[in-house]
Amino acid sequence: MKVDKHYNIKWTETALKSLKRIDKESAIRIINSVEDLSIDPFRYVKKLRGYPLYSLRVGDYRVILAIDVGSRSIIVLYVEYRRRAYRKLR
């Protein structure tokens, strides 16, 4: 029996709306980068100090996400331009 070691990726409504506002080329890069996380979610992300969240850098954009090791899932909370990405956390 094969056990799936990949993490499931879940996009929130906020994250999907954020993607629609971004140019198509950048949105595709963001989606591909998030998909790559399903194999090793901690490789390219940075832990956000003071929050149980992580940040993924994709060009000038930041993807803010939560990683649940127990359920092997990655929840994409939102995508924002780098200057505005961390304002929502305050």
PDB file of N, CA and C in Angstrom:
ATOM      1  N   MET A   1       0.845  -1.180   0.000  1.00  0.00           N
ATOM      2  CA  MET A   1       0.000   0.000   0.000  1.00  0.00           C
ATOM      3  C   MET A   1       0.890   1.244   0.000  1.00  0.00           C
ATOM      4  N   LYS A   2       0.560   2.176  -0.862  1.00  0.00           N
ATOM      5  CA  LYS A   2       1.320   3.414  -0.983  1.00  0.00           C
ATOM      6  C   LYS A   2       0.735   4.491  -0.072  1.00  0.00           C
ATOM      7  N   VAL A   3       1.591   5.129   0.684  1.00  0.00           N
ATOM      8  CA  VAL A   3       1.160   6.214   1.564  1.00  0.00           C
ATOM      9  C   VAL A   3       1.543   7.538   0.907  1.00  0.00           C
ATOM     10  N   ASP A   4       0.562   8.432   0.777  1.00  0.00           N
ATOM     11  CA  ASP A   4       0.822   9.733   0.167  1.00  0.00           C
ATOM     12  C   ASP A   4       1.518  10.630   1.185  1.00  0.00           C
ATOM     13  N   LYS A   5       2.744  11.018   0.883  1.00  0.00           N
ATOM     14  CA  LYS A   5       3.521  11.843   1.804  1.00  0.00           C
ATOM     15  C   LYS A   5       3.396  13.329   1.499  1.00  0.00           C
ATOM     16  N   HIS A   6       2.640  13.669   0.482  1.00  0.00           N
ATOM     17  CA  HIS A   6       2.479  15.068   0.113  1.00  0.00           C
ATOM     18  C   HIS A   6       1.482  15.759   1.044  1.00  0.00           C
ATOM     19  N   TYR A   7       1.685  17.040   1.222  1.00  0.00           N
ATOM     20  CA  TYR A   7       0.756  17.858   1.990  1.00  0.00           C
ATOM     21  C   TYR A   7      -0.371  18.316   1.070  1.00  0.00           C
ATOM     22  N   ASN A   8      -1.585  18.393   1.616  1.00  0.00           N
ATOM     23  CA  ASN A   8      -2.723  18.925   0.871  1.00  0.00           C
ATOM     24  C   ASN A   8      -2.681  20.443   0.955  1.00  0.00           C
ATOM     25  N   ILE A   9      -3.036  21.089  -0.138  1.00  0.00           N
ATOM     26  CA  ILE A   9      -3.035  22.550  -0.172  1.00  0.00           C
ATOM     27  C   ILE A   9      -4.469  23.047  -0.232  1.00  0.00           C
ATOM     28  N   LYS A  10      -4.799  23.949   0.685  1.00  0.00           N
ATOM     29  CA  LYS A  10      -6.137  24.537   0.745  1.00  0.00           C
ATOM     30  C   LYS A  10      -5.997  26.047   0.599  1.00  0.00           C
ATOM     31  N   TRP A  11      -6.765  26.621  -0.301  1.00  0.00           N
ATOM     32  CA  TRP A  11      -6.742  28.067  -0.535  1.00  0.00           C
ATOM     33  C   TRP A  11      -7.974  28.683   0.106  1.00  0.00           C
ATOM     34  N   THR A  12      -7.788  29.726   0.909  1.00  0.00           N
ATOM     35  CA  THR A  12      -8.930  30.442   1.476  1.00  0.00           C
ATOM     36  C   THR A  12      -9.536  31.335   0.393  1.00  0.00           C
ATOM     37  N   GLU A  13     -10.755  31.783   0.636  1.00  0.00           N
ATOM     38  CA  GLU A  13     -11.413  32.703  -0.303  1.00  0.00           C
ATOM     39  C   GLU A  13     -10.595  33.984  -0.460  1.00  0.00           C
ATOM     40  N   THR A  14     -10.038  34.457   0.637  1.00  0.00           N
ATOM     41  CA  THR A  14      -9.217  35.671   0.603  1.00  0.00           C
ATOM     42  C   THR A  14      -8.010  35.480  -0.303  1.00  0.00           C
ATOM     43  N   ALA A  15      -7.366  34.324  -0.208  1.00  0.00           N
ATOM     44  CA  ALA A  15      -6.198  34.045  -1.047  1.00  0.00           C
ATOM     45  C   ALA A  15      -6.586  33.985  -2.521  1.00  0.00           C
ATOM     46  N   LEU A  16      -7.717  33.362  -2.815  1.00  0.00           N
ATOM     47  CA  LEU A  16      -8.167  33.266  -4.207  1.00  0.00           C
ATOM     48  C   LEU A  16      -8.506  34.646  -4.772  1.00  0.00           C
ATOM     49  N   LYS A  17      -9.133  35.494  -3.957  1.00  0.00           N
ATOM     50  CA  LYS A  17      -9.435  36.860  -4.400  1.00  0.00           C
ATOM     51  C   LYS A  17      -8.151  37.643  -4.644  1.00  0.00           C
ATOM     52  N   SER A  18      -7.163  37.440  -3.782  1.00  0.00           N
ATOM     53  CA  SER A  18      -5.874  38.116  -3.945  1.00  0.00           C
ATOM     54  C   SER A  18      -5.226  37.729  -5.263  1.00  0.00           C
ATOM     55  N   LEU A  19      -5.306  36.454  -5.602  1.00  0.00           N
ATOM     56  CA  LEU A  19      -4.702  35.976  -6.853  1.00  0.00           C
ATOM     57  C   LEU A  19      -5.345  36.625  -8.075  1.00  0.00           C
ATOM     58  N   LYS A  20      -6.647  36.855  -8.003  1.00  0.00           N
ATOM     59  CA  LYS A  20      -7.359  37.446  -9.144  1.00  0.00           C
ATOM     60  C   LYS A  20      -6.926  38.883  -9.411  1.00  0.00           C
ATOM     61  N   ARG A  21      -6.445  39.572  -8.377  1.00  0.00           N
ATOM     62  CA  ARG A  21      -6.015  40.968  -8.537  1.00  0.00           C
ATOM     63  C   ARG A  21      -4.604  41.086  -9.098  1.00  0.00           C
ATOM     64  N   ILE A  22      -3.867  39.991  -9.082  1.00  0.00           N
ATOM     65  CA  ILE A  22      -2.468  39.988  -9.514  1.00  0.00           C
ATOM     66  C   ILE A  22      -2.390  39.658 -11.001  1.00  0.00           C
ATOM     67  N   ASP A  23      -1.362  40.193 -11.673  1.00  0.00           N
ATOM     68  CA  ASP A  23      -1.208  39.880 -13.095  1.00  0.00           C
ATOM     69  C   ASP A  23      -1.045  38.370 -13.279  1.00  0.00           C
ATOM     70  N   LYS A  24      -1.486  37.888 -14.437  1.00  0.00           N
ATOM     71  CA  LYS A  24      -1.574  36.453 -14.696  1.00  0.00           C
ATOM     72  C   LYS A  24      -0.230  35.735 -14.547  1.00  0.00           C
ATOM     73  N   GLU A  25       0.834  36.334 -15.050  1.00  0.00           N
ATOM     74  CA  GLU A  25       2.155  35.703 -14.989  1.00  0.00           C
ATOM     75  C   GLU A  25       2.605  35.496 -13.542  1.00  0.00           C
ATOM     76  N   SER A  26       2.431  36.514 -12.713  1.00  0.00           N
ATOM     77  CA  SER A  26       2.811  36.405 -11.301  1.00  0.00           C
ATOM     78  C   SER A  26       1.924  35.398 -10.575  1.00  0.00           C
ATOM     79  N   ALA A  27       0.636  35.397 -10.896  1.00  0.00           N
ATOM     80  CA  ALA A  27      -0.291  34.460 -10.255  1.00  0.00           C
ATOM     81  C   ALA A  27       0.100  33.015 -10.557  1.00  0.00           C
ATOM     82  N   ILE A  28       0.498  32.750 -11.787  1.00  0.00           N
ATOM     83  CA  ILE A  28       0.925  31.397 -12.161  1.00  0.00           C
ATOM     84  C   ILE A  28       2.186  31.009 -11.394  1.00  0.00           C
ATOM     85  N   ARG A  29       3.129  31.940 -11.277  1.00  0.00           N
ATOM     86  CA  ARG A  29       4.356  31.665 -10.507  1.00  0.00           C
ATOM     87  C   ARG A  29       4.027  31.365  -9.044  1.00  0.00           C
ATOM     88  N   ILE A  30       3.084  32.108  -8.487  1.00  0.00           N
ATOM     89  CA  ILE A  30       2.688  31.907  -7.095  1.00  0.00           C
ATOM     90  C   ILE A  30       2.048  30.529  -6.916  1.00  0.00           C
ATOM     91  N   ILE A  31       1.135  30.179  -7.801  1.00  0.00           N
ATOM     92  CA  ILE A  31       0.470  28.874  -7.718  1.00  0.00           C
ATOM     93  C   ILE A  31       1.490  27.744  -7.818  1.00  0.00           C
ATOM     94  N   ASN A  32       2.411  27.848  -8.767  1.00  0.00           N
ATOM     95  CA  ASN A  32       3.437  26.812  -8.932  1.00  0.00           C
ATOM     96  C   ASN A  32       4.335  26.707  -7.705  1.00  0.00           C
ATOM     97  N   SER A  33       4.692  27.846  -7.122  1.00  0.00           N
ATOM     98  CA  SER A  33       5.543  27.842  -5.927  1.00  0.00           C
ATOM     99  C   SER A  33       4.832  27.196  -4.740  1.00  0.00           C
ATOM    100  N   VAL A  34       3.550  27.484  -4.595  1.00  0.00           N
ATOM    101  CA  VAL A  34       2.779  26.882  -3.506  1.00  0.00           C
ATOM    102  C   VAL A  34       2.642  25.373  -3.734  1.00  0.00           C
ATOM    103  N   GLU A  35       2.401  24.969  -4.968  1.00  0.00           N
ATOM    104  CA  GLU A  35       2.303  23.538  -5.282  1.00  0.00           C
ATOM    105  C   GLU A  35       3.601  22.813  -4.936  1.00  0.00           C
ATOM    106  N   ASP A  36       4.741  23.457  -5.167  1.00  0.00           N
ATOM    107  CA  ASP A  36       6.038  22.853  -4.838  1.00  0.00           C
ATOM    108  C   ASP A  36       6.180  22.586  -3.341  1.00  0.00           C
ATOM    109  N   LEU A  37       5.472  23.350  -2.530  1.00  0.00           N
ATOM    110  CA  LEU A  37       5.540  23.169  -1.079  1.00  0.00           C
ATOM    111  C   LEU A  37       4.919  21.855  -0.620  1.00  0.00           C
ATOM    112  N   SER A  38       4.074  21.245  -1.437  1.00  0.00           N
ATOM    113  CA  SER A  38       3.382  20.023  -1.018  1.00  0.00           C
ATOM    114  C   SER A  38       4.356  18.882  -0.728  1.00  0.00           C
ATOM    115  N   ILE A  39       5.541  18.937  -1.304  1.00  0.00           N
ATOM    116  CA  ILE A  39       6.543  17.893  -1.087  1.00  0.00           C
ATOM    117  C   ILE A  39       7.331  18.156   0.196  1.00  0.00           C
ATOM    118  N   ASP A  40       7.813  19.373   0.360  1.00  0.00           N
ATOM    119  CA  ASP A  40       8.599  19.754   1.544  1.00  0.00           C
ATOM    120  C   ASP A  40       8.204  21.176   1.941  1.00  0.00           C
ATOM    121  N   PRO A  41       7.181  21.328   2.778  1.00  0.00           N
ATOM    122  CA  PRO A  41       6.637  22.656   3.062  1.00  0.00           C
ATOM    123  C   PRO A  41       7.556  23.601   3.823  1.00  0.00           C
ATOM    124  N   PHE A  42       8.558  23.089   4.498  1.00  0.00           N
ATOM    125  CA  PHE A  42       9.408  23.960   5.309  1.00  0.00           C
ATOM    126  C   PHE A  42      10.684  24.390   4.602  1.00  0.00           C
ATOM    127  N   ARG A  43      10.885  23.933   3.388  1.00  0.00           N
ATOM    128  CA  ARG A  43      12.142  24.207   2.693  1.00  0.00           C
ATOM    129  C   ARG A  43      12.293  25.673   2.276  1.00  0.00           C
ATOM    130  N   TYR A  44      11.248  26.263   1.741  1.00  0.00           N
ATOM    131  CA  TYR A  44      11.359  27.613   1.173  1.00  0.00           C
ATOM    132  C   TYR A  44      10.616  28.685   1.958  1.00  0.00           C
ATOM    133  N   VAL A  45      10.023  28.325   3.073  1.00  0.00           N
ATOM    134  CA  VAL A  45       9.237  29.307   3.821  1.00  0.00           C
ATOM    135  C   VAL A  45      10.032  29.868   4.992  1.00  0.00           C
ATOM    136  N   LYS A  46       9.565  31.011   5.461  1.00  0.00           N
ATOM    137  CA  LYS A  46      10.185  31.671   6.606  1.00  0.00           C
ATOM    138  C   LYS A  46       9.124  31.774   7.704  1.00  0.00           C
ATOM    139  N   LYS A  47       9.465  31.372   8.904  1.00  0.00           N
ATOM    140  CA  LYS A  47       8.540  31.449  10.035  1.00  0.00           C
ATOM    141  C   LYS A  47       8.348  32.910  10.418  1.00  0.00           C
ATOM    142  N   LEU A  48       7.105  33.300  10.634  1.00  0.00           N
ATOM    143  CA  LEU A  48       6.813  34.670  11.053  1.00  0.00           C
ATOM    144  C   LEU A  48       6.901  34.750  12.577  1.00  0.00           C
ATOM    145  N   ARG A  49       7.755  35.599  13.050  1.00  0.00           N
ATOM    146  CA  ARG A  49       7.980  35.752  14.482  1.00  0.00           C
ATOM    147  C   ARG A  49       6.711  36.243  15.174  1.00  0.00           C
ATOM    148  N   GLY A  50       6.312  35.531  16.224  1.00  0.00           N
ATOM    149  CA  GLY A  50       5.149  35.934  17.000  1.00  0.00           C
ATOM    150  C   GLY A  50       3.827  35.409  16.469  1.00  0.00           C
ATOM    151  N   TYR A  51       3.855  34.655  15.389  1.00  0.00           N
ATOM    152  CA  TYR A  51       2.639  34.113  14.782  1.00  0.00           C
ATOM    153  C   TYR A  51       2.871  32.650  14.409  1.00  0.00           C
ATOM    154  N   PRO A  52       1.823  31.847  14.405  1.00  0.00           N
ATOM    155  CA  PRO A  52       1.979  30.451  13.974  1.00  0.00           C
ATOM    156  C   PRO A  52       1.859  30.333  12.450  1.00  0.00           C
ATOM    157  N   LEU A  53       2.456  31.265  11.739  1.00  0.00           N
ATOM    158  CA  LEU A  53       2.325  31.361  10.287  1.00  0.00           C
ATOM    159  C   LEU A  53       3.684  31.388   9.616  1.00  0.00           C
ATOM    160  N   TYR A  54       3.645  31.218   8.301  1.00  0.00           N
ATOM    161  CA  TYR A  54       4.856  31.214   7.495  1.00  0.00           C
ATOM    162  C   TYR A  54       4.668  32.126   6.294  1.00  0.00           C
ATOM    163  N   SER A  55       5.787  32.574   5.738  1.00  0.00           N
ATOM    164  CA  SER A  55       5.774  33.441   4.567  1.00  0.00           C
ATOM    165  C   SER A  55       6.588  32.783   3.461  1.00  0.00           C
ATOM    166  N   LEU A  56       6.035  32.790   2.266  1.00  0.00           N
ATOM    167  CA  LEU A  56       6.725  32.281   1.089  1.00  0.00           C
ATOM    168  C   LEU A  56       6.971  33.458   0.162  1.00  0.00           C
ATOM    169  N   ARG A  57       8.205  33.659  -0.233  1.00  0.00           N
ATOM    170  CA  ARG A  57       8.557  34.769  -1.119  1.00  0.00           C
ATOM    171  C   ARG A  57       8.488  34.293  -2.563  1.00  0.00           C
ATOM    172  N   VAL A  58       7.689  35.004  -3.360  1.00  0.00           N
ATOM    173  CA  VAL A  58       7.595  34.732  -4.793  1.00  0.00           C
ATOM    174  C   VAL A  58       7.739  36.079  -5.495  1.00  0.00           C
ATOM    175  N   GLY A  59       8.950  36.408  -5.900  1.00  0.00           N
ATOM    176  CA  GLY A  59       9.210  37.709  -6.512  1.00  0.00           C
ATOM    177  C   GLY A  59       8.913  38.818  -5.520  1.00  0.00           C
ATOM    178  N   ASP A  60       8.079  39.772  -5.923  1.00  0.00           N
ATOM    179  CA  ASP A  60       7.706  40.889  -5.051  1.00  0.00           C
ATOM    180  C   ASP A  60       6.482  40.588  -4.194  1.00  0.00           C
ATOM    181  N   TYR A  61       5.982  39.370  -4.258  1.00  0.00           N
ATOM    182  CA  TYR A  61       4.791  38.983  -3.504  1.00  0.00           C
ATOM    183  C   TYR A  61       5.155  38.062  -2.353  1.00  0.00           C
ATOM    184  N   ARG A  62       4.300  38.085  -1.333  1.00  0.00           N
ATOM    185  CA  ARG A  62       4.458  37.188  -0.204  1.00  0.00           C
ATOM    186  C   ARG A  62       3.169  36.385  -0.056  1.00  0.00           C
ATOM    187  N   VAL A  63       3.337  35.102   0.139  1.00  0.00           N
ATOM    188  CA  VAL A  63       2.212  34.203   0.376  1.00  0.00           C
ATOM    189  C   VAL A  63       2.249  33.873   1.866  1.00  0.00           C
ATOM    190  N   ILE A  64       1.195  34.234   2.578  1.00  0.00           N
ATOM    191  CA  ILE A  64       1.121  33.966   4.009  1.00  0.00           C
ATOM    192  C   ILE A  64       0.303  32.694   4.189  1.00  0.00           C
ATOM    193  N   LEU A  65       0.899  31.744   4.906  1.00  0.00           N
ATOM    194  CA  LEU A  65       0.245  30.444   5.028  1.00  0.00           C
ATOM    195  C   LEU A  65       0.458  29.816   6.388  1.00  0.00           C
ATOM    196  N   ALA A  66      -0.396  28.848   6.676  1.00  0.00           N
ATOM    197  CA  ALA A  66      -0.290  28.054   7.901  1.00  0.00           C
ATOM    198  C   ALA A  66       0.009  26.626   7.478  1.00  0.00           C
ATOM    199  N   ILE A  67       0.847  25.960   8.248  1.00  0.00           N
ATOM    200  CA  ILE A  67       1.192  24.574   7.950  1.00  0.00           C
ATOM    201  C   ILE A  67       0.768  23.721   9.138  1.00  0.00           C
ATOM    202  N   ASP A  68      -0.101  22.745   8.873  1.00  0.00           N
ATOM    203  CA  ASP A  68      -0.578  21.826   9.904  1.00  0.00           C
ATOM    204  C   ASP A  68       0.067  20.467   9.664  1.00  0.00           C
ATOM    205  N   VAL A  69       1.073  20.155  10.463  1.00  0.00           N
ATOM    206  CA  VAL A  69       1.822  18.910  10.286  1.00  0.00           C
ATOM    207  C   VAL A  69       0.938  17.702  10.592  1.00  0.00           C
ATOM    208  N   GLY A  70       0.084  17.813  11.602  1.00  0.00           N
ATOM    209  CA  GLY A  70      -0.781  16.700  12.002  1.00  0.00           C
ATOM    210  C   GLY A  70      -1.693  16.224  10.889  1.00  0.00           C
ATOM    211  N   SER A  71      -2.333  17.150  10.205  1.00  0.00           N
ATOM    212  CA  SER A  71      -3.243  16.788   9.114  1.00  0.00           C
ATOM    213  C   SER A  71      -2.566  16.862   7.750  1.00  0.00           C
ATOM    214  N   ARG A  72      -1.265  17.166   7.748  1.00  0.00           N
ATOM    215  CA  ARG A  72      -0.472  17.262   6.519  1.00  0.00           C
ATOM    216  C   ARG A  72      -1.150  18.202   5.515  1.00  0.00           C
ATOM    217  N   SER A  73      -1.453  19.407   5.983  1.00  0.00           N
ATOM    218  CA  SER A  73      -2.096  20.379   5.104  1.00  0.00           C
ATOM    219  C   SER A  73      -1.424  21.743   5.196  1.00  0.00           C
ATOM    220  N   ILE A  74      -1.498  22.452   4.078  1.00  0.00           N
ATOM    221  CA  ILE A  74      -0.994  23.814   3.970  1.00  0.00           C
ATOM    222  C   ILE A  74      -2.198  24.684   3.651  1.00  0.00           C
ATOM    223  N   ILE A  75      -2.446  25.695   4.472  1.00  0.00           N
ATOM    224  CA  ILE A  75      -3.577  26.592   4.248  1.00  0.00           C
ATOM    225  C   ILE A  75      -3.030  27.936   3.804  1.00  0.00           C
ATOM    226  N   VAL A  76      -3.340  28.301   2.566  1.00  0.00           N
ATOM    227  CA  VAL A  76      -2.896  29.583   2.022  1.00  0.00           C
ATOM    228  C   VAL A  76      -3.906  30.628   2.474  1.00  0.00           C
ATOM    229  N   LEU A  77      -3.464  31.562   3.316  1.00  0.00           N
ATOM    230  CA  LEU A  77      -4.358  32.556   3.899  1.00  0.00           C
ATOM    231  C   LEU A  77      -4.568  33.754   2.985  1.00  0.00           C
ATOM    232  N   TYR A  78      -3.477  34.308   2.479  1.00  0.00           N
ATOM    233  CA  TYR A  78      -3.592  35.409   1.530  1.00  0.00           C
ATOM    234  C   TYR A  78      -2.285  35.632   0.798  1.00  0.00           C
ATOM    235  N   VAL A  79      -2.383  36.372  -0.301  1.00  0.00           N
ATOM    236  CA  VAL A  79      -1.237  36.736  -1.130  1.00  0.00           C
ATOM    237  C   VAL A  79      -1.255  38.252  -1.234  1.00  0.00           C
ATOM    238  N   GLU A  80      -0.102  38.874  -1.005  1.00  0.00           N
ATOM    239  CA  GLU A  80      -0.064  40.335  -1.015  1.00  0.00           C
ATOM    240  C   GLU A  80       1.291  40.819  -1.501  1.00  0.00           C
ATOM    241  N   TYR A  81       1.292  42.024  -2.052  1.00  0.00           N
ATOM    242  CA  TYR A  81       2.537  42.669  -2.448  1.00  0.00           C
ATOM    243  C   TYR A  81       3.402  42.822  -1.205  1.00  0.00           C
ATOM    244  N   ARG A  82       4.692  42.675  -1.351  1.00  0.00           N
ATOM    245  CA  ARG A  82       5.603  42.570  -0.204  1.00  0.00           C
ATOM    246  C   ARG A  82       5.475  43.704   0.802  1.00  0.00           C
ATOM    247  N   ARG A  83       5.271  44.918   0.360  1.00  0.00           N
ATOM    248  CA  ARG A  83       5.178  46.060   1.291  1.00  0.00           C
ATOM    249  C   ARG A  83       3.924  46.012   2.156  1.00  0.00           C
ATOM    250  N   ARG A  84       2.872  45.409   1.632  1.00  0.00           N
ATOM    251  CA  ARG A  84       1.601  45.372   2.362  1.00  0.00           C
ATOM    252  C   ARG A  84       1.336  44.030   3.043  1.00  0.00           C
ATOM    253  N   ALA A  85       2.163  43.050   2.801  1.00  0.00           N
ATOM    254  CA  ALA A  85       1.879  41.678   3.233  1.00  0.00           C
ATOM    255  C   ALA A  85       1.722  41.521   4.736  1.00  0.00           C
ATOM    256  N   TYR A  86       2.521  42.228   5.501  1.00  0.00           N
ATOM    257  CA  TYR A  86       2.531  41.992   6.940  1.00  0.00           C
ATOM    258  C   TYR A  86       1.617  42.941   7.707  1.00  0.00           C
ATOM    259  N   ARG A  87       1.025  43.907   7.035  1.00  0.00           N
ATOM    260  CA  ARG A  87       0.110  44.850   7.696  1.00  0.00           C
ATOM    261  C   ARG A  87      -1.139  44.150   8.215  1.00  0.00           C
ATOM    262  N   LYS A  88      -1.592  43.127   7.495  1.00  0.00           N
ATOM    263  CA  LYS A  88      -2.815  42.423   7.900  1.00  0.00           C
ATOM    264  C   LYS A  88      -2.631  41.648   9.198  1.00  0.00           C
ATOM    265  N   LEU A  89      -1.403  41.399   9.574  1.00  0.00           N
ATOM    266  CA  LEU A  89      -1.130  40.631  10.789  1.00  0.00           C
ATOM    267  C   LEU A  89      -1.254  41.474  12.051  1.00  0.00           C
ATOM    268  N   ARG A  90      -1.180  42.767  11.916  1.00  0.00           N
ATOM    269  CA  ARG A  90      -1.201  43.654  13.090  1.00  0.00           C
ATOM    270  C   ARG A  90      -2.573  43.808  13.666  1.00  0.00           C
TER     271      ARG A  90
END
